[in-house]
Amino acid sequence: MNAIESPLFSAPQGDDIDFARRFGGVGRLYGERALERFRTAHVCVIGVGGVGSWLVEALARSAVGRLTLIDLDNVAESNINRQIQALTETIGQPKIEALRDRIAGINPYCQVTLVEDFIEPDNIAQMIGGKGFDYVVDAIDSVKAKAALIAFCREQGIPLLTSGGAGGQLDPTKIEVRDLARTEQEPLLKKVRKVLRAQYGFSRGEKQKYHIDAVFSMEPLRYPEAEDACEIESSITGLNCAGFGSSMVVTASFGMIAAAHILRKMAEAASSELVQAVPQPEFVSV
C-alpha cells in the first residue's frame, strides 16, 4: 500500500478571506459551525468511479478539509460517459491522481491522500483502522470486500455509507438512502447482506436495522440487448457499469445524494455538539 499526501495550498493557512469567498455560500446554507465541521472533516472514499468520483467533487466543493482516495484503476475511454475525472487528456492516468488534480483547482485547502490499492478483506484494518476518518464511503463492487469493510467499520464505530449498483438504470428520482437491512430491488446489496449474515453475524431478522446507511435505486435493472448479455455476467451484482449500460445522470446522482447525506450527518453532529456545549439554565423552586 502506497499512500501519497498532496501538499497543502501554498497560500498562508490563515487566508480566511479566500476561503470565505470560495465557501461562504456553504456556510450560509448549513451554518458557520457546520462549515467549520466540514473544514476539519476527514472523509475516506473507496472507489472513485461512476459514483465515487462525483461524491468526491461534491465534498471538495463543500469545503471538506481532508480526503483519502483509495483506488487502483486508471482512466479509460470507457469511463468518459460517467466519471468526472475521465477526460481525453487524463486517459491512462491513475483515477485518484486525476481526481486529486481536479480537487486542487476547486479546494486548494483540501489535503488529499492517495492510496493506489484495492480494498481486500485482509488489508482493511491496515487501510482504515486508526486513521481518524470521520466518514468512510464504500463505492466498490466486490461483494466480499464490501461485506468485510462494512463489518469492520461497524465494529470500530466508524460512520460508513455504502453504495449499491448504478448501472442499468435511467431514473435518478428512484434513488434513496436507507438502512442497509431495508434496501429493495438491489442485487449487489442483497448479496452483501447474505455474506454479512453468514460470515459476520449480522441479524437475519427483517425488523432489525444494521445501522449502516446505503444509497441505492428502486428502479428495476435494464438489461442490454441479447447479443450483449454475455458481458453482464461479472457486473450483474456490482458497481462496475462495463456490462450494463450506464448514464451519468444516474451515477452522478448516486454520488450527489450520498454526499448530501454525509454533509447533513456532519452538520447535524456539529449542531448537536453546540447544543451540548451550551450551559443549561438552572431552575430554582420558590
Protein backbone atom coordinates (compact mmCIF):
# COMPACT_ATOMS: atom_id res chain seq x y z
CA MET A 1 0.00 0.00 0.00
CA ASN A 2 1.49 3.32 -1.11
CA ALA A 3 -0.09 6.44 0.38
CA ILE A 4 0.77 9.81 -1.15
CA GLU A 5 -0.31 13.06 0.51
CA SER A 6 -0.83 16.18 -1.56
CA PRO A 7 0.84 19.38 -0.34
CA LEU A 8 -1.42 21.94 1.24
CA PHE A 9 -2.26 25.17 -0.59
CA SER A 10 0.83 27.38 -0.83
CA ALA A 11 -1.04 30.46 0.37
CA PRO A 12 -0.94 31.18 4.12
CA GLN A 13 -3.21 28.85 6.05
CA GLY A 14 -4.77 31.90 7.69
CA ASP A 15 -6.06 33.19 4.35
CA ASP A 16 -9.64 33.28 5.61
CA ILE A 17 -10.77 35.82 3.02
CA ASP A 18 -10.11 33.46 0.12
CA PHE A 19 -11.72 30.56 1.96
CA ALA A 20 -14.79 32.67 2.75
CA ARG A 21 -15.14 33.73 -0.87
CA ARG A 22 -14.96 30.15 -2.06
CA PHE A 23 -17.19 28.57 0.56
CA GLY A 24 -19.22 31.35 2.15
CA GLY A 25 -22.33 30.04 0.39
CA VAL A 26 -21.87 26.69 2.10
CA GLY A 27 -21.71 28.42 5.47
CA ARG A 28 -24.81 30.50 4.79
CA LEU A 29 -26.74 27.35 3.95
CA TYR A 30 -25.53 24.91 6.61
CA GLY A 31 -24.38 27.41 9.23
CA GLU A 32 -20.89 28.52 10.21
CA ARG A 33 -20.46 25.78 12.79
CA ALA A 34 -21.26 23.15 10.17
CA LEU A 35 -18.85 24.79 7.72
CA GLU A 36 -16.08 24.55 10.29
CA ARG A 37 -17.00 20.90 10.80
CA PHE A 38 -16.65 20.29 7.05
CA ARG A 39 -13.36 22.17 7.02
CA THR A 40 -11.87 19.86 9.66
CA ALA A 41 -13.50 16.63 8.46
CA HIS A 42 -11.56 13.67 7.07
CA VAL A 43 -13.55 11.52 4.64
CA CYS A 44 -12.25 8.33 3.02
CA VAL A 45 -13.72 7.40 -0.37
CA ILE A 46 -13.04 3.86 -1.57
CA GLY A 47 -13.63 3.56 -5.29
CA VAL A 48 -13.62 6.75 -7.40
CA GLY A 49 -15.55 5.61 -10.44
CA GLY A 50 -19.04 6.49 -11.63
CA VAL A 51 -20.37 7.08 -8.10
CA GLY A 52 -17.29 7.86 -6.02
CA SER A 53 -15.80 10.48 -8.34
CA TRP A 54 -18.93 12.68 -8.21
CA LEU A 55 -19.17 12.30 -4.47
CA VAL A 56 -15.58 13.50 -4.12
CA GLU A 57 -16.37 16.51 -6.32
CA ALA A 58 -19.31 17.43 -4.08
CA LEU A 59 -17.29 17.09 -0.88
CA ALA A 60 -14.43 19.18 -2.28
CA ARG A 61 -16.89 21.92 -3.30
CA SER A 62 -18.40 21.79 0.19
CA ALA A 63 -15.10 22.70 1.91
CA VAL A 64 -14.25 19.25 3.26
CA GLY A 65 -10.69 19.63 4.51
CA ARG A 66 -9.20 16.15 4.13
CA LEU A 67 -9.93 13.40 1.63
CA THR A 68 -8.35 9.97 1.36
CA LEU A 69 -8.97 8.35 -2.03
CA ILE A 70 -8.44 4.61 -2.46
CA ASP A 71 -8.46 3.04 -5.94
CA LEU A 72 -6.05 1.22 -8.27
CA ASP A 73 -7.68 1.79 -11.67
CA ASN A 74 -6.52 4.06 -14.48
CA VAL A 75 -8.78 6.31 -16.53
CA ALA A 76 -10.02 4.62 -19.72
CA GLU A 77 -12.07 5.79 -22.69
CA SER A 78 -14.99 3.72 -21.44
CA ASN A 79 -15.12 5.84 -18.27
CA ILE A 80 -15.81 9.10 -20.08
CA ASN A 81 -19.59 8.67 -20.10
CA ARG A 82 -19.90 8.60 -16.31
CA GLN A 83 -16.76 9.58 -14.33
CA ILE A 84 -15.97 13.21 -13.67
CA GLN A 85 -12.18 12.95 -13.91
CA ALA A 86 -12.33 10.98 -17.18
CA LEU A 87 -11.27 13.32 -20.00
CA THR A 88 -9.34 12.88 -23.21
CA GLU A 89 -6.26 14.34 -21.55
CA THR A 90 -6.49 12.09 -18.45
CA ILE A 91 -6.77 8.74 -20.26
CA GLY A 92 -4.15 6.39 -18.83
CA GLN A 93 -3.67 8.35 -15.61
CA PRO A 94 -4.49 6.78 -12.24
CA LYS A 95 -8.05 7.81 -11.41
CA ILE A 96 -7.12 9.07 -7.98
CA GLU A 97 -4.33 11.27 -9.39
CA ALA A 98 -6.62 12.82 -12.00
CA LEU A 99 -9.18 13.49 -9.29
CA ARG A 100 -6.58 14.97 -6.94
CA ASP A 101 -5.55 17.45 -9.64
CA ARG A 102 -9.18 18.44 -10.08
CA ILE A 103 -9.65 18.93 -6.34
CA ALA A 104 -6.61 21.22 -6.23
CA GLY A 105 -8.37 23.66 -8.55
CA ILE A 106 -11.58 23.56 -6.53
CA ASN A 107 -10.47 23.48 -2.92
CA PRO A 108 -6.74 24.14 -2.53
CA TYR A 109 -7.20 23.99 1.24
CA CYS A 110 -8.11 20.30 1.00
CA GLN A 111 -5.36 17.82 1.83
CA VAL A 112 -5.69 14.74 -0.36
CA THR A 113 -4.13 11.38 0.44
CA LEU A 114 -3.90 8.89 -2.41
CA VAL A 115 -3.77 5.14 -1.84
CA GLU A 116 -3.15 3.20 -5.04
CA ASP A 117 -4.55 -0.14 -4.00
CA PHE A 118 -7.73 -2.17 -3.87
CA ILE A 119 -9.54 -2.84 -0.61
CA GLU A 120 -9.50 -6.54 0.28
CA PRO A 121 -10.74 -8.34 3.40
CA ASP A 122 -7.15 -8.88 4.55
CA ASN A 123 -5.98 -5.25 4.25
CA ILE A 124 -8.98 -3.34 5.60
CA ALA A 125 -7.62 -2.97 9.13
CA GLN A 126 -4.35 -1.55 7.77
CA MET A 127 -6.06 0.88 5.40
CA ILE A 128 -8.97 2.03 7.54
CA GLY A 129 -8.13 1.34 11.18
CA GLY A 130 -6.68 4.13 13.29
CA LYS A 131 -6.78 6.75 10.54
CA GLY A 132 -9.25 9.05 12.28
CA PHE A 133 -11.77 9.05 9.45
CA ASP A 134 -14.96 10.96 10.21
CA TYR A 135 -16.73 9.08 7.41
CA VAL A 136 -15.95 6.20 5.07
CA VAL A 137 -17.70 5.79 1.72
CA ASP A 138 -17.85 2.35 0.11
CA ALA A 139 -18.19 2.72 -3.66
CA ILE A 140 -16.62 -0.60 -4.64
CA ASP A 141 -18.14 -3.58 -6.41
CA SER A 142 -16.58 -6.63 -4.72
CA VAL A 143 -19.18 -8.33 -2.53
CA LYS A 144 -16.58 -9.88 -0.20
CA ALA A 145 -14.68 -6.62 0.19
CA LYS A 146 -17.87 -4.61 0.77
CA ALA A 147 -19.05 -7.02 3.44
CA ALA A 148 -15.68 -7.08 5.22
CA LEU A 149 -15.46 -3.27 5.12
CA ILE A 150 -18.99 -2.83 6.46
CA ALA A 151 -18.38 -5.31 9.27
CA PHE A 152 -15.07 -3.66 10.21
CA CYS A 153 -16.48 -0.14 10.26
CA ARG A 154 -19.49 -1.14 12.32
CA GLU A 155 -17.28 -2.95 14.82
CA GLN A 156 -14.94 0.05 15.08
CA GLY A 157 -17.74 2.61 15.25
CA ILE A 158 -16.66 4.36 12.04
CA PRO A 159 -19.57 6.02 10.18
CA LEU A 160 -19.93 4.42 6.76
CA LEU A 161 -22.16 4.87 3.72
CA THR A 162 -22.28 2.01 1.22
CA SER A 163 -23.42 2.27 -2.40
CA GLY A 164 -25.47 -0.13 -4.43
CA GLY A 165 -25.04 -0.59 -8.17
CA ALA A 166 -25.66 2.36 -10.52
CA GLY A 167 -25.62 0.64 -13.91
CA GLY A 168 -28.66 -0.41 -15.91
CA GLN A 169 -30.82 2.47 -14.65
CA LEU A 170 -32.32 5.61 -16.20
CA ASP A 171 -34.27 7.40 -13.48
CA PRO A 172 -32.31 9.26 -10.78
CA THR A 173 -35.53 10.06 -8.91
CA LYS A 174 -35.69 6.42 -7.79
CA ILE A 175 -32.51 6.75 -5.70
CA GLU A 176 -32.92 6.56 -1.92
CA VAL A 177 -30.86 6.26 1.25
CA ARG A 178 -31.99 3.62 3.73
CA ASP A 179 -30.56 1.31 6.34
CA LEU A 180 -28.68 -1.49 4.58
CA ALA A 181 -31.09 -4.05 6.05
CA ARG A 182 -34.04 -2.33 4.32
CA THR A 183 -32.90 -1.89 0.70
CA GLU A 184 -35.03 -3.33 -2.10
CA GLN A 185 -34.66 -4.08 -5.81
CA GLU A 186 -30.86 -4.16 -5.40
CA PRO A 187 -28.91 -7.37 -6.23
CA LEU A 188 -25.47 -6.16 -5.09
CA LEU A 189 -26.56 -5.17 -1.60
CA LYS A 190 -28.69 -8.30 -1.32
CA LYS A 191 -25.56 -10.40 -1.84
CA VAL A 192 -23.67 -8.25 0.65
CA ARG A 193 -26.35 -8.86 3.29
CA LYS A 194 -26.11 -12.59 2.67
CA VAL A 195 -22.36 -12.53 3.35
CA LEU A 196 -22.79 -10.29 6.41
CA ARG A 197 -25.28 -12.72 7.91
CA ALA A 198 -23.30 -15.85 7.07
CA GLN A 199 -19.80 -14.66 7.96
CA TYR A 200 -20.10 -11.66 10.28
CA GLY A 201 -23.08 -12.46 12.49
CA PHE A 202 -25.41 -9.74 11.20
CA SER A 203 -29.06 -10.22 12.12
CA ARG A 204 -31.38 -12.19 9.86
CA GLY A 205 -34.47 -10.56 11.34
CA GLU A 206 -36.38 -8.41 8.86
CA LYS A 207 -37.16 -5.79 11.51
CA GLN A 208 -33.56 -5.43 12.70
CA LYS A 209 -31.55 -2.50 11.36
CA TYR A 210 -27.83 -2.74 10.63
CA HIS A 211 -27.21 0.95 11.39
CA ILE A 212 -25.29 1.20 8.12
CA ASP A 213 -26.68 3.66 5.57
CA ALA A 214 -26.93 2.60 1.92
CA VAL A 215 -27.62 4.59 -1.24
CA PHE A 216 -29.46 2.55 -3.85
CA SER A 217 -32.11 2.71 -6.55
CA MET A 218 -35.61 1.26 -6.52
CA GLU A 219 -35.58 1.15 -10.33
CA PRO A 220 -35.61 -2.33 -11.91
CA LEU A 221 -32.43 -3.05 -13.89
CA ARG A 222 -32.46 -2.61 -17.65
CA TYR A 223 -30.51 -5.35 -19.35
CA PRO A 224 -28.56 -4.98 -22.62
CA GLU A 225 -29.77 -6.50 -25.87
CA ALA A 226 -29.45 -10.27 -26.15
CA GLU A 227 -26.20 -10.15 -28.14
CA ASP A 228 -24.55 -8.21 -25.31
CA ALA A 229 -25.95 -10.33 -22.48
CA CYS A 230 -22.76 -12.34 -22.03
CA GLU A 231 -20.93 -9.16 -20.98
CA ILE A 232 -23.03 -8.57 -17.87
CA GLU A 233 -22.10 -11.81 -16.13
CA SER A 234 -19.38 -10.20 -14.00
CA SER A 235 -21.15 -6.89 -13.34
CA ILE A 236 -24.70 -8.02 -12.65
CA THR A 237 -24.23 -7.52 -8.91
CA GLY A 238 -21.60 -4.81 -8.96
CA LEU A 239 -20.99 -1.12 -9.36
CA ASN A 240 -18.98 -1.89 -12.50
CA CYS A 241 -21.03 -0.49 -15.38
CA ALA A 242 -18.98 -2.10 -18.16
CA GLY A 243 -21.61 -4.77 -18.88
CA PHE A 244 -24.75 -2.80 -18.13
CA GLY A 245 -25.45 0.42 -19.94
CA SER A 246 -24.89 3.47 -17.77
CA SER A 247 -25.86 7.12 -17.62
CA MET A 248 -24.08 9.94 -15.88
CA VAL A 249 -27.43 11.35 -14.77
CA VAL A 250 -27.81 8.26 -12.56
CA THR A 251 -24.23 7.60 -11.45
CA ALA A 252 -23.66 11.28 -10.63
CA SER A 253 -26.97 11.41 -8.76
CA PHE A 254 -25.87 8.45 -6.65
CA GLY A 255 -22.73 10.40 -5.74
CA MET A 256 -24.57 13.65 -5.06
CA ILE A 257 -27.23 12.01 -2.90
CA ALA A 258 -24.52 10.19 -0.96
CA ALA A 259 -22.59 13.43 -0.47
CA ALA A 260 -25.74 15.27 0.64
CA HIS A 261 -26.39 12.56 3.21
CA ILE A 262 -22.86 12.76 4.60
CA LEU A 263 -22.90 16.56 4.78
CA ARG A 264 -26.26 16.51 6.54
CA LYS A 265 -24.99 13.99 9.08
CA MET A 266 -21.88 16.06 9.79
CA ALA A 267 -23.94 19.26 10.06
CA GLU A 268 -26.31 17.57 12.50
CA ALA A 269 -23.34 16.38 14.56
CA ALA A 270 -21.97 19.93 14.66
CA SER A 271 -25.35 21.26 15.79
CA SER A 272 -25.62 18.56 18.45
CA GLU A 273 -22.17 19.42 19.78
CA LEU A 274 -23.23 23.07 20.02
CA VAL A 275 -26.37 22.22 22.00
CA GLN A 276 -24.37 20.06 24.40
CA ALA A 277 -21.82 22.84 24.88
CA VAL A 278 -24.42 25.48 25.81
CA PRO A 279 -24.90 25.65 29.60
CA GLN A 280 -28.42 24.75 30.58
CA PRO A 281 -30.28 27.18 32.87
CA GLU A 282 -30.82 26.12 36.44
CA PHE A 283 -34.33 26.35 37.79
CA VAL A 284 -34.80 27.05 41.48
CA SER A 285 -38.04 26.17 43.24
CA VAL A 286 -39.58 29.02 45.26
